[in-house]
Amino acid sequence: MKKVLKVILVIVIMAFIAIQFIRPAKNSGEEIAANQITAKYQIPPEVEQILKVSCYDCHSNTTHYPWYSNIQPVAWWLDDHIVEGKDELNFSTFMEYPVWRQYKKFKEIGKEVKEGEMPMESYTFIHRDAVMTADQKSLVQTWVANTMKEMESEYPAKSLKKPK
């Protein structure tokens, strides 16, 4: 029985070592200023700082990877979160969205922050600085509301709704 356990342990260790060489691509894409949210929408510096600390690792093309992101299978798990996060909202490519989707994303940002859904607990567990205080949440929500009002005054109401 001990021999079988030793063989299993050796196989597990070898598999762990082998998977270290299978790495997902890093999320360090090119930043094109014209595509970033800041190309059109004013973000107060304090709100931009909150977004960078609490959101950009998963919702932009500029993830700052912690040391443990070099260990598999953690890197795959992180990559899955980043890919999913960027599919939902990407501040780096925000201006590529149609206006109706931009408006929808602002609405979702406000809702997610208000309800404490973002940033995710799995992220804030390690990144304690990403936890938003009530004041920070209020700043983000105020910015979102003001930006949505600006959009409402700039665009016809019909263009702020998803086409059927």
C-alpha atoms as a PDB file:
ATOM      1  CA  MET A   1       0.000   0.000   0.000  1.00  0.00           C
ATOM      2  CA  LYS A   2       2.876   2.372   0.832  1.00  0.00           C
ATOM      3  CA  LYS A   3       4.427   1.706  -2.555  1.00  0.00           C
ATOM      4  CA  VAL A   4       1.175   2.634  -4.342  1.00  0.00           C
ATOM      5  CA  LEU A   5       0.935   5.874  -2.348  1.00  0.00           C
ATOM      6  CA  LYS A   6       4.536   6.730  -3.227  1.00  0.00           C
ATOM      7  CA  VAL A   7       3.830   6.124  -6.930  1.00  0.00           C
ATOM      8  CA  ILE A   8       0.702   8.288  -6.761  1.00  0.00           C
ATOM      9  CA  LEU A   9       2.631  11.037  -4.960  1.00  0.00           C
ATOM     10  CA  VAL A  10       5.399  10.951  -7.576  1.00  0.00           C
ATOM     11  CA  ILE A  11       2.822  11.141 -10.389  1.00  0.00           C
ATOM     12  CA  VAL A  12       1.069  14.090  -8.708  1.00  0.00           C
ATOM     13  CA  ILE A  13       4.373  15.924  -8.194  1.00  0.00           C
ATOM     14  CA  MET A  14       5.438  15.275 -11.792  1.00  0.00           C
ATOM     15  CA  ALA A  15       2.049  16.472 -13.085  1.00  0.00           C
ATOM     16  CA  PHE A  16       2.303  19.604 -10.937  1.00  0.00           C
ATOM     17  CA  ILE A  17       5.775  20.331 -12.323  1.00  0.00           C
ATOM     18  CA  ALA A  18       4.643  19.635 -15.906  1.00  0.00           C
ATOM     19  CA  ILE A  19       1.670  22.018 -15.734  1.00  0.00           C
ATOM     20  CA  GLN A  20       3.984  24.844 -14.720  1.00  0.00           C
ATOM     21  CA  PHE A  21       5.062  25.015 -18.370  1.00  0.00           C
ATOM     22  CA  ILE A  22       1.504  25.436 -19.694  1.00  0.00           C
ATOM     23  CA  ARG A  23       0.758  29.104 -19.159  1.00  0.00           C
ATOM     24  CA  PRO A  24      -2.040  31.357 -20.365  1.00  0.00           C
ATOM     25  CA  ALA A  25      -1.105  34.545 -22.180  1.00  0.00           C
ATOM     26  CA  LYS A  26      -0.697  37.572 -19.909  1.00  0.00           C
ATOM     27  CA  ASN A  27      -3.258  40.362 -20.106  1.00  0.00           C
ATOM     28  CA  SER A  28      -0.861  43.105 -21.029  1.00  0.00           C
ATOM     29  CA  GLY A  29      -2.368  44.291 -24.265  1.00  0.00           C
ATOM     30  CA  GLU A  30      -1.701  47.485 -26.088  1.00  0.00           C
ATOM     31  CA  GLU A  31      -3.457  50.545 -24.765  1.00  0.00           C
ATOM     32  CA  ILE A  32      -4.963  52.692 -27.520  1.00  0.00           C
ATOM     33  CA  ALA A  33      -5.946  56.033 -26.039  1.00  0.00           C
ATOM     34  CA  ALA A  34      -8.826  56.552 -28.488  1.00  0.00           C
ATOM     35  CA  ASN A  35     -10.490  53.315 -27.312  1.00  0.00           C
ATOM     36  CA  GLN A  36     -10.205  53.912 -23.560  1.00  0.00           C
ATOM     37  CA  ILE A  37     -13.127  55.175 -21.522  1.00  0.00           C
ATOM     38  CA  THR A  38     -11.163  58.345 -20.744  1.00  0.00           C
ATOM     39  CA  ALA A  39     -11.133  59.255 -24.453  1.00  0.00           C
ATOM     40  CA  LYS A  40     -14.685  60.586 -24.133  1.00  0.00           C
ATOM     41  CA  TYR A  41     -15.840  60.485 -20.536  1.00  0.00           C
ATOM     42  CA  GLN A  42     -14.380  62.663 -17.816  1.00  0.00           C
ATOM     43  CA  ILE A  43     -13.389  60.646 -14.787  1.00  0.00           C
ATOM     44  CA  PRO A  44     -12.522  62.600 -11.653  1.00  0.00           C
ATOM     45  CA  PRO A  45      -9.000  61.653 -10.507  1.00  0.00           C
ATOM     46  CA  GLU A  46     -10.229  60.109  -7.249  1.00  0.00           C
ATOM     47  CA  VAL A  47     -12.745  57.944  -9.157  1.00  0.00           C
ATOM     48  CA  GLU A  48     -10.127  56.943 -11.718  1.00  0.00           C
ATOM     49  CA  GLN A  49      -7.839  55.854  -8.872  1.00  0.00           C
ATOM     50  CA  ILE A  50     -10.654  53.758  -7.359  1.00  0.00           C
ATOM     51  CA  LEU A  51     -11.313  52.127 -10.739  1.00  0.00           C
ATOM     52  CA  LYS A  52      -7.618  51.386 -11.263  1.00  0.00           C
ATOM     53  CA  VAL A  53      -7.259  49.773  -7.834  1.00  0.00           C
ATOM     54  CA  SER A  54     -10.598  47.958  -7.697  1.00  0.00           C
ATOM     55  CA  CYS A  55     -11.515  47.208 -11.310  1.00  0.00           C
ATOM     56  CA  TYR A  56      -8.764  47.468 -13.901  1.00  0.00           C
ATOM     57  CA  ASP A  57      -6.998  44.164 -13.164  1.00  0.00           C
ATOM     58  CA  CYS A  58     -10.008  42.273 -14.546  1.00  0.00           C
ATOM     59  CA  HIS A  59     -11.712  44.975 -16.622  1.00  0.00           C
ATOM     60  CA  SER A  60      -8.893  46.450 -18.719  1.00  0.00           C
ATOM     61  CA  ASN A  61      -5.948  45.383 -20.845  1.00  0.00           C
ATOM     62  CA  THR A  62      -3.495  46.188 -18.051  1.00  0.00           C
ATOM     63  CA  THR A  63      -3.544  43.542 -15.346  1.00  0.00           C
ATOM     64  CA  HIS A  64      -0.917  43.826 -12.614  1.00  0.00           C
ATOM     65  CA  TYR A  65      -0.080  40.245 -11.827  1.00  0.00           C
ATOM     66  CA  PRO A  66       0.810  39.158  -8.275  1.00  0.00           C
ATOM     67  CA  TRP A  67       3.639  36.704  -7.651  1.00  0.00           C
ATOM     68  CA  TYR A  68       1.290  33.741  -7.268  1.00  0.00           C
ATOM     69  CA  SER A  69       0.025  34.208 -10.828  1.00  0.00           C
ATOM     70  CA  ASN A  70       3.117  32.304 -11.941  1.00  0.00           C
ATOM     71  CA  ILE A  71       1.940  29.105 -10.282  1.00  0.00           C
ATOM     72  CA  GLN A  72      -0.397  26.702 -12.051  1.00  0.00           C
ATOM     73  CA  PRO A  73      -3.296  26.097 -11.721  1.00  0.00           C
ATOM     74  CA  VAL A  74      -3.719  29.548 -10.122  1.00  0.00           C
ATOM     75  CA  ALA A  75      -2.721  31.292 -13.362  1.00  0.00           C
ATOM     76  CA  TRP A  76      -5.492  29.482 -15.239  1.00  0.00           C
ATOM     77  CA  TRP A  77      -8.033  30.486 -12.605  1.00  0.00           C
ATOM     78  CA  LEU A  78      -6.885  34.130 -12.766  1.00  0.00           C
ATOM     79  CA  ASP A  79      -6.931  34.055 -16.554  1.00  0.00           C
ATOM     80  CA  ASP A  80     -10.510  32.772 -16.522  1.00  0.00           C
ATOM     81  CA  HIS A  81     -11.566  35.666 -14.260  1.00  0.00           C
ATOM     82  CA  ILE A  82      -9.768  38.214 -16.428  1.00  0.00           C
ATOM     83  CA  VAL A  83     -11.193  36.888 -19.702  1.00  0.00           C
ATOM     84  CA  GLU A  84     -14.700  36.806 -18.233  1.00  0.00           C
ATOM     85  CA  GLY A  85     -14.273  40.267 -16.714  1.00  0.00           C
ATOM     86  CA  LYS A  86     -13.072  41.783 -19.982  1.00  0.00           C
ATOM     87  CA  ASP A  87     -15.930  40.128 -21.866  1.00  0.00           C
ATOM     88  CA  GLU A  88     -18.359  41.858 -19.509  1.00  0.00           C
ATOM     89  CA  LEU A  89     -16.633  45.253 -19.396  1.00  0.00           C
ATOM     90  CA  ASN A  90     -13.314  46.472 -20.703  1.00  0.00           C
ATOM     91  CA  PHE A  91     -12.328  50.035 -19.829  1.00  0.00           C
ATOM     92  CA  SER A  92      -9.476  49.799 -22.360  1.00  0.00           C
ATOM     93  CA  THR A  93     -11.855  49.218 -25.290  1.00  0.00           C
ATOM     94  CA  PHE A  94     -14.903  51.047 -23.949  1.00  0.00           C
ATOM     95  CA  MET A  95     -15.140  53.444 -26.887  1.00  0.00           C
ATOM     96  CA  GLU A  96     -15.496  50.514 -29.286  1.00  0.00           C
ATOM     97  CA  TYR A  97     -18.889  49.743 -27.718  1.00  0.00           C
ATOM     98  CA  PRO A  98     -21.968  51.214 -29.363  1.00  0.00           C
ATOM     99  CA  VAL A  99     -23.493  54.093 -27.389  1.00  0.00           C
ATOM    100  CA  TRP A 100     -26.373  51.974 -26.094  1.00  0.00           C
ATOM    101  CA  ARG A 101     -23.892  49.451 -24.657  1.00  0.00           C
ATOM    102  CA  GLN A 102     -21.781  52.196 -23.059  1.00  0.00           C
ATOM    103  CA  TYR A 103     -24.921  53.528 -21.384  1.00  0.00           C
ATOM    104  CA  LYS A 104     -25.876  50.028 -20.242  1.00  0.00           C
ATOM    105  CA  LYS A 105     -22.374  49.461 -18.847  1.00  0.00           C
ATOM    106  CA  PHE A 106     -22.535  52.674 -16.822  1.00  0.00           C
ATOM    107  CA  LYS A 107     -25.854  51.514 -15.397  1.00  0.00           C
ATOM    108  CA  GLU A 108     -24.363  48.114 -14.541  1.00  0.00           C
ATOM    109  CA  ILE A 109     -21.284  49.683 -12.921  1.00  0.00           C
ATOM    110  CA  GLY A 110     -23.530  51.734 -10.628  1.00  0.00           C
ATOM    111  CA  LYS A 111     -25.671  48.724  -9.746  1.00  0.00           C
ATOM    112  CA  GLU A 112     -22.745  46.338  -9.158  1.00  0.00           C
ATOM    113  CA  VAL A 113     -20.914  48.832  -6.943  1.00  0.00           C
ATOM    114  CA  LYS A 114     -24.058  49.741  -5.000  1.00  0.00           C
ATOM    115  CA  GLU A 115     -24.909  46.088  -4.353  1.00  0.00           C
ATOM    116  CA  GLY A 116     -21.320  45.223  -3.421  1.00  0.00           C
ATOM    117  CA  GLU A 117     -21.058  42.697  -6.265  1.00  0.00           C
ATOM    118  CA  MET A 118     -17.900  44.338  -7.573  1.00  0.00           C
ATOM    119  CA  PRO A 119     -15.121  43.988  -6.948  1.00  0.00           C
ATOM    120  CA  MET A 120     -15.621  40.294  -6.375  1.00  0.00           C
ATOM    121  CA  GLU A 121     -14.884  38.819  -2.951  1.00  0.00           C
ATOM    122  CA  SER A 122     -12.425  36.363  -4.516  1.00  0.00           C
ATOM    123  CA  TYR A 123     -10.411  39.412  -5.645  1.00  0.00           C
ATOM    124  CA  THR A 124     -10.721  41.529  -2.494  1.00  0.00           C
ATOM    125  CA  PHE A 125      -9.804  38.549  -0.296  1.00  0.00           C
ATOM    126  CA  ILE A 126      -6.199  38.988  -1.433  1.00  0.00           C
ATOM    127  CA  HIS A 127      -6.320  42.599  -2.664  1.00  0.00           C
ATOM    128  CA  ARG A 128      -7.561  44.309   0.483  1.00  0.00           C
ATOM    129  CA  ASP A 129      -6.892  47.759  -1.005  1.00  0.00           C
ATOM    130  CA  ALA A 130      -9.545  47.024  -3.664  1.00  0.00           C
ATOM    131  CA  VAL A 131     -12.359  46.926  -1.091  1.00  0.00           C
ATOM    132  CA  MET A 132     -14.405  50.074  -1.622  1.00  0.00           C
ATOM    133  CA  THR A 133     -15.421  52.176   1.337  1.00  0.00           C
ATOM    134  CA  ALA A 134     -18.901  53.672   1.472  1.00  0.00           C
ATOM    135  CA  ASP A 135     -17.431  57.024   0.401  1.00  0.00           C
ATOM    136  CA  GLN A 136     -15.646  55.439  -2.559  1.00  0.00           C
ATOM    137  CA  LYS A 137     -18.819  53.650  -3.625  1.00  0.00           C
ATOM    138  CA  SER A 138     -20.663  56.941  -3.410  1.00  0.00           C
ATOM    139  CA  LEU A 139     -18.034  58.687  -5.558  1.00  0.00           C
ATOM    140  CA  VAL A 140     -18.276  56.005  -8.232  1.00  0.00           C
ATOM    141  CA  GLN A 141     -22.072  56.029  -8.178  1.00  0.00           C
ATOM    142  CA  THR A 142     -22.175  59.830  -8.447  1.00  0.00           C
ATOM    143  CA  TRP A 143     -19.762  59.747 -11.382  1.00  0.00           C
ATOM    144  CA  VAL A 144     -21.872  57.053 -13.084  1.00  0.00           C
ATOM    145  CA  ALA A 145     -25.115  58.995 -12.532  1.00  0.00           C
ATOM    146  CA  ASN A 146     -23.585  62.235 -13.825  1.00  0.00           C
ATOM    147  CA  THR A 147     -22.118  60.521 -16.878  1.00  0.00           C
ATOM    148  CA  MET A 148     -25.443  58.880 -17.673  1.00  0.00           C
ATOM    149  CA  LYS A 149     -27.170  62.278 -17.420  1.00  0.00           C
ATOM    150  CA  GLU A 150     -24.601  63.726 -19.828  1.00  0.00           C
ATOM    151  CA  MET A 151     -25.263  60.886 -22.238  1.00  0.00           C
ATOM    152  CA  GLU A 152     -29.016  61.435 -21.941  1.00  0.00           C
ATOM    153  CA  SER A 153     -28.586  65.088 -22.859  1.00  0.00           C
ATOM    154  CA  GLU A 154     -26.168  64.352 -25.716  1.00  0.00           C
ATOM    155  CA  TYR A 155     -27.891  61.403 -27.405  1.00  0.00           C
ATOM    156  CA  PRO A 156     -31.502  60.730 -28.402  1.00  0.00           C
ATOM    157  CA  ALA A 157     -33.221  58.401 -25.913  1.00  0.00           C
ATOM    158  CA  LYS A 158     -33.696  55.782 -28.637  1.00  0.00           C
ATOM    159  CA  SER A 159     -29.920  55.477 -29.160  1.00  0.00           C
ATOM    160  CA  LEU A 160     -29.391  54.629 -25.478  1.00  0.00           C
ATOM    161  CA  LYS A 161     -31.438  51.441 -25.794  1.00  0.00           C
ATOM    162  CA  LYS A 162     -30.358  48.186 -27.366  1.00  0.00           C
ATOM    163  CA  PRO A 163     -31.695  47.924 -30.910  1.00  0.00           C
ATOM    164  CA  LYS A 164     -34.307  45.234 -31.406  1.00  0.00           C
END
